[in-house]
Protein backbone atom coordinates (compact mmCIF):
# COMPACT_ATOMS: atom_id res chain seq x y z
CA UNK A 1 0.00 0.00 0.00
CA UNK A 2 2.95 2.34 0.54
CA UNK A 3 3.40 3.10 -3.17
CA UNK A 4 -0.26 3.25 -4.18
CA UNK A 5 -2.41 6.35 -4.30
CA UNK A 6 -6.17 5.82 -4.00
CA UNK A 7 -8.71 8.51 -4.82
CA UNK A 8 -12.21 8.48 -3.32
CA UNK A 9 -15.02 9.97 -5.37
CA UNK A 10 -18.72 10.54 -4.80
CA UNK A 11 -20.37 10.88 -8.20
CA UNK A 12 -18.67 13.91 -9.76
CA UNK A 13 -16.75 15.07 -6.70
CA UNK A 14 -13.27 14.08 -5.56
CA UNK A 15 -13.65 13.65 -1.80
CA UNK A 16 -10.43 12.14 -0.45
CA UNK A 17 -7.03 10.70 -1.26
CA UNK A 18 -5.02 8.00 0.44
CA UNK A 19 -1.29 7.60 0.01
CA UNK A 20 0.63 5.24 2.27
CA UNK A 21 -0.69 5.55 5.82
CA UNK A 22 -2.19 9.01 5.19
CA UNK A 23 -5.74 9.89 4.13
CA UNK A 24 -6.85 13.45 3.36
CA UNK A 25 -10.57 14.31 3.34
CA UNK A 26 -12.06 17.39 1.66
CA UNK A 27 -15.59 15.98 1.75
CA UNK A 28 -17.08 13.24 3.92
CA UNK A 29 -20.43 11.71 4.73
CA UNK A 30 -21.85 10.83 8.12
CA UNK A 31 -22.13 7.19 9.07
CA UNK A 32 -25.91 7.49 9.52
CA UNK A 33 -26.90 6.14 6.11
CA UNK A 34 -24.52 8.60 4.44
CA UNK A 35 -27.27 11.19 4.62
CA UNK A 36 -25.22 14.29 5.38
CA UNK A 37 -22.24 15.68 3.49
CA UNK A 38 -19.57 17.68 5.32
CA UNK A 39 -17.03 19.86 3.53
CA UNK A 40 -13.68 20.38 5.22
CA UNK A 41 -11.69 23.55 4.70
CA UNK A 42 -9.00 23.03 5.79
CA UNK A 43 -9.12 19.34 4.92
CA UNK A 44 -8.90 16.60 7.54
CA UNK A 45 -5.83 14.35 7.72
CA UNK A 46 -5.71 10.90 9.30
CA UNK A 47 -2.85 8.45 9.87
CA UNK A 48 -4.63 5.16 9.17
CA UNK A 49 -2.00 2.88 10.70
CA UNK A 50 -2.34 4.68 14.06
CA UNK A 51 -6.01 5.65 13.73
CA UNK A 52 -7.94 3.20 11.50
CA UNK A 53 -11.41 4.54 12.47
CA UNK A 54 -10.33 8.08 11.44
CA UNK A 55 -11.21 9.74 14.74
CA UNK A 56 -8.22 12.08 15.19
CA UNK A 57 -7.51 14.82 12.67
CA UNK A 58 -3.73 15.43 12.60
CA UNK A 59 -3.64 18.03 9.82
CA UNK A 60 -2.32 20.78 12.10
CA UNK A 61 0.64 18.60 13.13
CA UNK A 62 1.52 17.59 9.52
CA UNK A 63 1.00 20.55 7.16
CA UNK A 64 3.59 19.17 4.72
CA UNK A 65 1.56 15.96 4.29
CA UNK A 66 -1.64 17.99 3.79
CA UNK A 67 0.10 20.04 1.11
CA UNK A 68 1.52 16.97 -0.64
CA UNK A 69 -1.80 15.10 -0.69
CA UNK A 70 -3.74 18.19 -1.75
CA UNK A 71 -1.32 18.53 -4.68
CA UNK A 72 -1.97 14.89 -5.64
CA UNK A 73 -5.71 15.61 -5.65
CA UNK A 74 -5.25 18.70 -7.80
CA UNK A 75 -3.08 16.80 -10.31
CA UNK A 76 -5.62 13.99 -10.46
CA UNK A 77 -8.51 16.40 -11.10
CA UNK A 78 -6.60 18.08 -13.94
CA UNK A 79 -6.21 14.72 -15.73
CA UNK A 80 -9.89 13.77 -15.60
CA UNK A 81 -11.81 14.17 -18.85
CA UNK A 82 -15.42 14.87 -18.06
CA UNK A 83 -18.09 13.35 -20.28
CA UNK A 84 -21.52 14.77 -20.94
CA UNK A 85 -23.96 14.78 -18.03
CA UNK A 86 -26.31 11.83 -18.02
CA UNK A 87 -29.97 12.36 -17.30
PDB file of N, CA and C in Angstrom:
ATOM      1  N   UNK A   1       0.823  -1.205   0.000  1.00  0.00           N
ATOM      2  CA  UNK A   1       0.000   0.000   0.000  1.00  0.00           C
ATOM      3  C   UNK A   1       0.860   1.258   0.000  1.00  0.00           C
ATOM      4  N   UNK A   2       2.089   1.154   0.412  1.00  0.00           N
ATOM      5  CA  UNK A   2       2.948   2.337   0.536  1.00  0.00           C
ATOM      6  C   UNK A   2       3.099   3.122  -0.763  1.00  0.00           C
ATOM      7  N   UNK A   3       3.147   2.429  -1.901  1.00  0.00           N
ATOM      8  CA  UNK A   3       3.398   3.103  -3.171  1.00  0.00           C
ATOM      9  C   UNK A   3       2.130   3.481  -3.923  1.00  0.00           C
ATOM     10  N   UNK A   4       0.989   3.006  -3.464  1.00  0.00           N
ATOM     11  CA  UNK A   4      -0.258   3.255  -4.183  1.00  0.00           C
ATOM     12  C   UNK A   4      -0.929   4.526  -3.693  1.00  0.00           C
ATOM     13  N   UNK A   5      -1.587   5.197  -4.633  1.00  0.00           N
ATOM     14  CA  UNK A   5      -2.412   6.347  -4.305  1.00  0.00           C
ATOM     15  C   UNK A   5      -3.834   5.991  -4.695  1.00  0.00           C
ATOM     16  N   UNK A   6      -4.757   6.132  -3.763  1.00  0.00           N
ATOM     17  CA  UNK A   6      -6.165   5.823  -4.004  1.00  0.00           C
ATOM     18  C   UNK A   6      -6.981   7.100  -3.873  1.00  0.00           C
ATOM     19  N   UNK A   7      -7.849   7.340  -4.838  1.00  0.00           N
ATOM     20  CA  UNK A   7      -8.709   8.510  -4.825  1.00  0.00           C
ATOM     21  C   UNK A   7     -10.139   8.068  -4.554  1.00  0.00           C
ATOM     22  N   UNK A   8     -10.830   8.791  -3.687  1.00  0.00           N
ATOM     23  CA  UNK A   8     -12.210   8.481  -3.324  1.00  0.00           C
ATOM     24  C   UNK A   8     -13.124   9.537  -3.927  1.00  0.00           C
ATOM     25  N   UNK A   9     -14.095   9.062  -4.700  1.00  0.00           N
ATOM     26  CA  UNK A   9     -15.021   9.968  -5.373  1.00  0.00           C
ATOM     27  C   UNK A   9     -16.442   9.680  -4.910  1.00  0.00           C
ATOM     28  N   UNK A  10     -17.279  10.684  -5.010  1.00  0.00           N
ATOM     29  CA  UNK A  10     -18.717  10.540  -4.801  1.00  0.00           C
ATOM     30  C   UNK A  10     -19.369  11.189  -6.009  1.00  0.00           C
ATOM     31  N   UNK A  11     -19.801  10.381  -6.943  1.00  0.00           N
ATOM     32  CA  UNK A  11     -20.368  10.881  -8.203  1.00  0.00           C
ATOM     33  C   UNK A  11     -19.320  11.748  -8.908  1.00  0.00           C
ATOM     34  N   UNK A  12     -19.567  13.024  -9.016  1.00  0.00           N
ATOM     35  CA  UNK A  12     -18.666  13.913  -9.758  1.00  0.00           C
ATOM     36  C   UNK A  12     -17.596  14.573  -8.899  1.00  0.00           C
ATOM     37  N   UNK A  13     -17.625  14.336  -7.610  1.00  0.00           N
ATOM     38  CA  UNK A  13     -16.746  15.074  -6.705  1.00  0.00           C
ATOM     39  C   UNK A  13     -15.625  14.207  -6.138  1.00  0.00           C
ATOM     40  N   UNK A  14     -14.410  14.737  -6.185  1.00  0.00           N
ATOM     41  CA  UNK A  14     -13.269  14.076  -5.562  1.00  0.00           C
ATOM     42  C   UNK A  14     -13.295  14.432  -4.077  1.00  0.00           C
ATOM     43  N   UNK A  15     -13.429  13.425  -3.229  1.00  0.00           N
ATOM     44  CA  UNK A  15     -13.645  13.650  -1.802  1.00  0.00           C
ATOM     45  C   UNK A  15     -12.392  13.476  -0.956  1.00  0.00           C
ATOM     46  N   UNK A  16     -11.563  12.478  -1.302  1.00  0.00           N
ATOM     47  CA  UNK A  16     -10.427  12.144  -0.446  1.00  0.00           C
ATOM     48  C   UNK A  16      -9.344  11.455  -1.263  1.00  0.00           C
ATOM     49  N   UNK A  17      -8.155  11.421  -0.668  1.00  0.00           N
ATOM     50  CA  UNK A  17      -7.032  10.700  -1.263  1.00  0.00           C
ATOM     51  C   UNK A  17      -6.311   9.961  -0.150  1.00  0.00           C
ATOM     52  N   UNK A  18      -5.848   8.758  -0.490  1.00  0.00           N
ATOM     53  CA  UNK A  18      -5.020   8.000   0.438  1.00  0.00           C
ATOM     54  C   UNK A  18      -3.700   7.695  -0.244  1.00  0.00           C
ATOM     55  N   UNK A  19      -2.621   7.938   0.492  1.00  0.00           N
ATOM     56  CA  UNK A  19      -1.287   7.595   0.014  1.00  0.00           C
ATOM     57  C   UNK A  19      -0.498   7.091   1.217  1.00  0.00           C
ATOM     58  N   UNK A  20      -0.047   5.835   1.130  1.00  0.00           N
ATOM     59  CA  UNK A  20       0.631   5.242   2.273  1.00  0.00           C
ATOM     60  C   UNK A  20      -0.301   5.207   3.462  1.00  0.00           C
ATOM     61  N   UNK A  21       0.167   5.597   4.642  1.00  0.00           N
ATOM     62  CA  UNK A  21      -0.687   5.553   5.824  1.00  0.00           C
ATOM     63  C   UNK A  21      -1.599   6.765   5.959  1.00  0.00           C
ATOM     64  N   UNK A  22      -1.473   7.739   5.058  1.00  0.00           N
ATOM     65  CA  UNK A  22      -2.191   9.006   5.187  1.00  0.00           C
ATOM     66  C   UNK A  22      -3.458   9.029   4.347  1.00  0.00           C
ATOM     67  N   UNK A  23      -4.509   9.661   4.882  1.00  0.00           N
ATOM     68  CA  UNK A  23      -5.741   9.888   4.132  1.00  0.00           C
ATOM     69  C   UNK A  23      -6.197  11.318   4.385  1.00  0.00           C
ATOM     70  N   UNK A  24      -6.423  12.049   3.301  1.00  0.00           N
ATOM     71  CA  UNK A  24      -6.845  13.448   3.359  1.00  0.00           C
ATOM     72  C   UNK A  24      -8.286  13.551   2.873  1.00  0.00           C
ATOM     73  N   UNK A  25      -9.152  14.143   3.674  1.00  0.00           N
ATOM     74  CA  UNK A  25     -10.572  14.312   3.341  1.00  0.00           C
ATOM     75  C   UNK A  25     -10.888  15.780   3.083  1.00  0.00           C
ATOM     76  N   UNK A  26     -11.482  16.068   1.918  1.00  0.00           N
ATOM     77  CA  UNK A  26     -12.064  17.386   1.658  1.00  0.00           C
ATOM     78  C   UNK A  26     -13.569  17.345   1.852  1.00  0.00           C
ATOM     79  N   UNK A  27     -14.152  16.183   1.616  1.00  0.00           N
ATOM     80  CA  UNK A  27     -15.594  15.976   1.746  1.00  0.00           C
ATOM     81  C   UNK A  27     -15.798  14.617   2.403  1.00  0.00           C
ATOM     82  N   UNK A  28     -16.751  14.536   3.315  1.00  0.00           N
ATOM     83  CA  UNK A  28     -17.075  13.242   3.922  1.00  0.00           C
ATOM     84  C   UNK A  28     -18.567  13.170   4.185  1.00  0.00           C
ATOM     85  N   UNK A  29     -19.029  11.954   4.420  1.00  0.00           N
ATOM     86  CA  UNK A  29     -20.433  11.711   4.727  1.00  0.00           C
ATOM     87  C   UNK A  29     -20.528  11.159   6.133  1.00  0.00           C
ATOM     88  N   UNK A  30     -21.642  11.394   6.784  1.00  0.00           N
ATOM     89  CA  UNK A  30     -21.847  10.834   8.116  1.00  0.00           C
ATOM     90  C   UNK A  30     -22.115   9.335   8.004  1.00  0.00           C
ATOM     91  N   UNK A  31     -21.913   8.629   9.058  1.00  0.00           N
ATOM     92  CA  UNK A  31     -22.134   7.186   9.066  1.00  0.00           C
ATOM     93  C   UNK A  31     -23.621   6.830   9.051  1.00  0.00           C
ATOM     94  N   UNK A  32     -24.475   7.766   9.462  1.00  0.00           N
ATOM     95  CA  UNK A  32     -25.909   7.486   9.523  1.00  0.00           C
ATOM     96  C   UNK A  32     -26.492   7.475   8.119  1.00  0.00           C
ATOM     97  N   UNK A  33     -26.341   6.345   7.444  1.00  0.00           N
ATOM     98  CA  UNK A  33     -26.902   6.144   6.105  1.00  0.00           C
ATOM     99  C   UNK A  33     -26.349   7.120   5.085  1.00  0.00           C
ATOM    100  N   UNK A  34     -25.192   7.679   5.366  1.00  0.00           N
ATOM    101  CA  UNK A  34     -24.525   8.605   4.443  1.00  0.00           C
ATOM    102  C   UNK A  34     -25.474   9.720   4.000  1.00  0.00           C
ATOM    103  N   UNK A  35     -26.228  10.223   4.950  1.00  0.00           N
ATOM    104  CA  UNK A  35     -27.266  11.190   4.619  1.00  0.00           C
ATOM    105  C   UNK A  35     -26.796  12.637   4.646  1.00  0.00           C
ATOM    106  N   UNK A  36     -25.670  12.902   5.244  1.00  0.00           N
ATOM    107  CA  UNK A  36     -25.220  14.288   5.385  1.00  0.00           C
ATOM    108  C   UNK A  36     -23.789  14.426   4.868  1.00  0.00           C
ATOM    109  N   UNK A  37     -23.578  15.417   4.026  1.00  0.00           N
ATOM    110  CA  UNK A  37     -22.242  15.681   3.486  1.00  0.00           C
ATOM    111  C   UNK A  37     -21.600  16.815   4.271  1.00  0.00           C
ATOM    112  N   UNK A  38     -20.337  16.629   4.641  1.00  0.00           N
ATOM    113  CA  UNK A  38     -19.572  17.676   5.321  1.00  0.00           C
ATOM    114  C   UNK A  38     -18.388  18.065   4.446  1.00  0.00           C
ATOM    115  N   UNK A  39     -18.178  19.353   4.281  1.00  0.00           N
ATOM    116  CA  UNK A  39     -17.027  19.863   3.529  1.00  0.00           C
ATOM    117  C   UNK A  39     -16.004  20.355   4.544  1.00  0.00           C
ATOM    118  N   UNK A  40     -14.740  20.067   4.265  1.00  0.00           N
ATOM    119  CA  UNK A  40     -13.685  20.377   5.224  1.00  0.00           C
ATOM    120  C   UNK A  40     -12.680  21.340   4.611  1.00  0.00           C
ATOM    121  N   UNK A  41     -12.646  22.534   5.142  1.00  0.00           N
ATOM    122  CA  UNK A  41     -11.694  23.551   4.696  1.00  0.00           C
ATOM    123  C   UNK A  41     -11.174  24.267   5.940  1.00  0.00           C
ATOM    124  N   UNK A  42     -10.009  23.879   6.411  1.00  0.00           N
ATOM    125  CA  UNK A  42      -9.001  23.032   5.787  1.00  0.00           C
ATOM    126  C   UNK A  42      -9.412  21.562   5.820  1.00  0.00           C
ATOM    127  N   UNK A  43      -8.790  20.758   4.948  1.00  0.00           N
ATOM    128  CA  UNK A  43      -9.122  19.336   4.917  1.00  0.00           C
ATOM    129  C   UNK A  43      -8.676  18.611   6.183  1.00  0.00           C
ATOM    130  N   UNK A  44      -9.256  17.446   6.397  1.00  0.00           N
ATOM    131  CA  UNK A  44      -8.905  16.598   7.538  1.00  0.00           C
ATOM    132  C   UNK A  44      -7.836  15.595   7.105  1.00  0.00           C
ATOM    133  N   UNK A  45      -6.901  15.307   8.000  1.00  0.00           N
ATOM    134  CA  UNK A  45      -5.831  14.349   7.718  1.00  0.00           C
ATOM    135  C   UNK A  45      -5.828  13.281   8.800  1.00  0.00           C
ATOM    136  N   UNK A  46      -5.750  12.012   8.369  1.00  0.00           N
ATOM    137  CA  UNK A  46      -5.706  10.899   9.298  1.00  0.00           C
ATOM    138  C   UNK A  46      -4.520  10.004   8.982  1.00  0.00           C
ATOM    139  N   UNK A  47      -3.913   9.447  10.025  1.00  0.00           N
ATOM    140  CA  UNK A  47      -2.851   8.450   9.868  1.00  0.00           C
ATOM    141  C   UNK A  47      -3.514   7.103  10.131  1.00  0.00           C
ATOM    142  N   UNK A  48      -3.802   6.350   9.057  1.00  0.00           N
ATOM    143  CA  UNK A  48      -4.626   5.159   9.167  1.00  0.00           C
ATOM    144  C   UNK A  48      -3.965   4.000   9.900  1.00  0.00           C
ATOM    145  N   UNK A  49      -2.650   3.952   9.946  1.00  0.00           N
ATOM    146  CA  UNK A  49      -1.995   2.883  10.704  1.00  0.00           C
ATOM    147  C   UNK A  49      -2.157   3.103  12.202  1.00  0.00           C
ATOM    148  N   UNK A  50      -2.184   4.352  12.637  1.00  0.00           N
ATOM    149  CA  UNK A  50      -2.342   4.679  14.062  1.00  0.00           C
ATOM    150  C   UNK A  50      -3.794   4.904  14.456  1.00  0.00           C
ATOM    151  N   UNK A  51      -4.628   5.264  13.459  1.00  0.00           N
ATOM    152  CA  UNK A  51      -6.012   5.652  13.731  1.00  0.00           C
ATOM    153  C   UNK A  51      -6.933   5.102  12.631  1.00  0.00           C
ATOM    154  N   UNK A  52      -7.115   3.773  12.563  1.00  0.00           N
ATOM    155  CA  UNK A  52      -7.944   3.196  11.502  1.00  0.00           C
ATOM    156  C   UNK A  52      -9.386   3.719  11.442  1.00  0.00           C
ATOM    157  N   UNK A  53     -10.031   4.040  12.574  1.00  0.00           N
ATOM    158  CA  UNK A  53     -11.406   4.538  12.468  1.00  0.00           C
ATOM    159  C   UNK A  53     -11.504   6.024  12.104  1.00  0.00           C
ATOM    160  N   UNK A  54     -10.373   6.655  11.858  1.00  0.00           N
ATOM    161  CA  UNK A  54     -10.335   8.076  11.439  1.00  0.00           C
ATOM    162  C   UNK A  54     -11.042   8.983  12.445  1.00  0.00           C
ATOM    163  N   UNK A  55     -10.614   8.921  13.683  1.00  0.00           N
ATOM    164  CA  UNK A  55     -11.208   9.741  14.745  1.00  0.00           C
ATOM    165  C   UNK A  55     -10.401  10.995  15.061  1.00  0.00           C
ATOM    166  N   UNK A  56      -9.087  10.993  14.745  1.00  0.00           N
ATOM    167  CA  UNK A  56      -8.219  12.082  15.189  1.00  0.00           C
ATOM    168  C   UNK A  56      -7.578  12.792  14.002  1.00  0.00           C
ATOM    169  N   UNK A  57      -8.049  13.993  13.739  1.00  0.00           N
ATOM    170  CA  UNK A  57      -7.511  14.817  12.666  1.00  0.00           C
ATOM    171  C   UNK A  57      -6.123  15.323  13.081  1.00  0.00           C
ATOM    172  N   UNK A  58      -5.109  15.027  12.274  1.00  0.00           N
ATOM    173  CA  UNK A  58      -3.734  15.430  12.600  1.00  0.00           C
ATOM    174  C   UNK A  58      -3.181  16.423  11.576  1.00  0.00           C
ATOM    175  N   UNK A  59      -4.067  17.096  10.860  1.00  0.00           N
ATOM    176  CA  UNK A  59      -3.636  18.033   9.818  1.00  0.00           C
ATOM    177  C   UNK A  59      -2.753  19.153  10.370  1.00  0.00           C
ATOM    178  N   UNK A  60      -3.094  19.673  11.529  1.00  0.00           N
ATOM    179  CA  UNK A  60      -2.315  20.781  12.100  1.00  0.00           C
ATOM    180  C   UNK A  60      -0.887  20.365  12.428  1.00  0.00           C
ATOM    181  N   UNK A  61      -0.697  19.095  12.772  1.00  0.00           N
ATOM    182  CA  UNK A  61       0.638  18.598  13.129  1.00  0.00           C
ATOM    183  C   UNK A  61       1.465  18.193  11.910  1.00  0.00           C
ATOM    184  N   UNK A  62       0.826  18.071  10.730  1.00  0.00           N
ATOM    185  CA  UNK A  62       1.523  17.592   9.523  1.00  0.00           C
ATOM    186  C   UNK A  62       1.142  18.414   8.292  1.00  0.00           C
ATOM    187  N   UNK A  63       1.399  19.720   8.304  1.00  0.00           N
ATOM    188  CA  UNK A  63       1.004  20.554   7.162  1.00  0.00           C
ATOM    189  C   UNK A  63       1.688  20.152   5.854  1.00  0.00           C
ATOM    190  N   UNK A  64       2.891  19.583   5.938  1.00  0.00           N
ATOM    191  CA  UNK A  64       3.594  19.167   4.724  1.00  0.00           C
ATOM    192  C   UNK A  64       2.887  17.988   4.056  1.00  0.00           C
ATOM    193  N   UNK A  65       2.305  17.103   4.842  1.00  0.00           N
ATOM    194  CA  UNK A  65       1.558  15.965   4.295  1.00  0.00           C
ATOM    195  C   UNK A  65       0.261  16.467   3.668  1.00  0.00           C
ATOM    196  N   UNK A  66      -0.417  17.393   4.339  1.00  0.00           N
ATOM    197  CA  UNK A  66      -1.636  17.986   3.788  1.00  0.00           C
ATOM    198  C   UNK A  66      -1.333  18.619   2.434  1.00  0.00           C
ATOM    199  N   UNK A  67      -0.266  19.374   2.357  1.00  0.00           N
ATOM    200  CA  UNK A  67       0.100  20.042   1.109  1.00  0.00           C
ATOM    201  C   UNK A  67       0.409  19.021   0.008  1.00  0.00           C
ATOM    202  N   UNK A  68       1.146  17.985   0.345  1.00  0.00           N
ATOM    203  CA  UNK A  68       1.518  16.968  -0.645  1.00  0.00           C
ATOM    204  C   UNK A  68       0.288  16.225  -1.161  1.00  0.00           C
ATOM    205  N   UNK A  69      -0.607  15.826  -0.266  1.00  0.00           N
ATOM    206  CA  UNK A  69      -1.796  15.100  -0.691  1.00  0.00           C
ATOM    207  C   UNK A  69      -2.782  15.997  -1.434  1.00  0.00           C
ATOM    208  N   UNK A  70      -2.886  17.246  -1.025  1.00  0.00           N
ATOM    209  CA  UNK A  70      -3.741  18.190  -1.752  1.00  0.00           C
ATOM    210  C   UNK A  70      -3.224  18.387  -3.175  1.00  0.00           C
ATOM    211  N   UNK A  71      -1.912  18.406  -3.342  1.00  0.00           N
ATOM    212  CA  UNK A  71      -1.321  18.531  -4.683  1.00  0.00           C
ATOM    213  C   UNK A  71      -1.636  17.296  -5.526  1.00  0.00           C
ATOM    214  N   UNK A  72      -1.603  16.106  -4.914  1.00  0.00           N
ATOM    215  CA  UNK A  72      -1.974  14.887  -5.639  1.00  0.00           C
ATOM    216  C   UNK A  72      -3.424  14.953  -6.115  1.00  0.00           C
ATOM    217  N   UNK A  73      -4.299  15.475  -5.265  1.00  0.00           N
ATOM    218  CA  UNK A  73      -5.709  15.607  -5.650  1.00  0.00           C
ATOM    219  C   UNK A  73      -5.867  16.586  -6.808  1.00  0.00           C
ATOM    220  N   UNK A  74      -5.163  17.706  -6.740  1.00  0.00           N
ATOM    221  CA  UNK A  74      -5.253  18.705  -7.804  1.00  0.00           C
ATOM    222  C   UNK A  74      -4.742  18.140  -9.133  1.00  0.00           C
ATOM    223  N   UNK A  75      -3.627  17.425  -9.092  1.00  0.00           N
ATOM    224  CA  UNK A  75      -3.084  16.802 -10.307  1.00  0.00           C
ATOM    225  C   UNK A  75      -4.064  15.782 -10.884  1.00  0.00           C
ATOM    226  N   UNK A  76      -4.665  15.000 -10.026  1.00  0.00           N
ATOM    227  CA  UNK A  76      -5.624  13.992 -10.461  1.00  0.00           C
ATOM    228  C   UNK A  76      -6.830  14.652 -11.137  1.00  0.00           C
ATOM    229  N   UNK A  77      -7.344  15.709 -10.536  1.00  0.00           N
ATOM    230  CA  UNK A  77      -8.508  16.405 -11.102  1.00  0.00           C
ATOM    231  C   UNK A  77      -8.203  17.005 -12.469  1.00  0.00           C
ATOM    232  N   UNK A  78      -6.982  17.498 -12.655  1.00  0.00           N
ATOM    233  CA  UNK A  78      -6.601  18.078 -13.943  1.00  0.00           C
ATOM    234  C   UNK A  78      -6.594  17.035 -15.056  1.00  0.00           C
ATOM    235  N   UNK A  79      -6.316  15.786 -14.729  1.00  0.00           N
ATOM    236  CA  UNK A  79      -6.211  14.717 -15.726  1.00  0.00           C
ATOM    237  C   UNK A  79      -7.565  14.127 -16.123  1.00  0.00           C
ATOM    238  N   UNK A  80      -8.586  14.385 -15.348  1.00  0.00           N
ATOM    239  CA  UNK A  80      -9.890  13.771 -15.604  1.00  0.00           C
ATOM    240  C   UNK A  80     -10.574  14.465 -16.779  1.00  0.00           C
ATOM    241  N   UNK A  81     -11.013  13.651 -17.739  1.00  0.00           N
ATOM    242  CA  UNK A  81     -11.806  14.166 -18.852  1.00  0.00           C
ATOM    243  C   UNK A  81     -13.267  13.925 -18.521  1.00  0.00           C
ATOM    244  N   UNK A  82     -14.020  14.978 -18.440  1.00  0.00           N
ATOM    245  CA  UNK A  82     -15.422  14.868 -18.065  1.00  0.00           C
ATOM    246  C   UNK A  82     -16.266  14.602 -19.316  1.00  0.00           C
ATOM    247  N   UNK A  83     -17.156  13.647 -19.211  1.00  0.00           N
ATOM    248  CA  UNK A  83     -18.086  13.349 -20.279  1.00  0.00           C
ATOM    249  C   UNK A  83     -19.346  14.168 -20.112  1.00  0.00           C
ATOM    250  N   UNK A  84     -20.258  14.035 -21.046  1.00  0.00           N
ATOM    251  CA  UNK A  84     -21.516  14.774 -20.939  1.00  0.00           C
ATOM    252  C   UNK A  84     -22.345  14.265 -19.746  1.00  0.00           C
ATOM    253  N   UNK A  85     -23.095  15.152 -19.160  1.00  0.00           N
ATOM    254  CA  UNK A  85     -23.958  14.780 -18.035  1.00  0.00           C
ATOM    255  C   UNK A  85     -24.999  13.795 -18.510  1.00  0.00           C
ATOM    256  N   UNK A  86     -25.273  12.806 -17.682  1.00  0.00           N
ATOM    257  CA  UNK A  86     -26.311  11.829 -18.022  1.00  0.00           C
ATOM    258  C   UNK A  86     -27.580  12.169 -17.261  1.00  0.00           C
ATOM    259  N   UNK A  87     -28.673  12.029 -17.939  1.00  0.00           N
ATOM    260  CA  UNK A  87     -29.971  12.358 -17.305  1.00  0.00           C
ATOM    261  C   UNK A  87     -30.856  11.161 -17.273  1.00  0.00           C
TER     262      UNK A  87
END
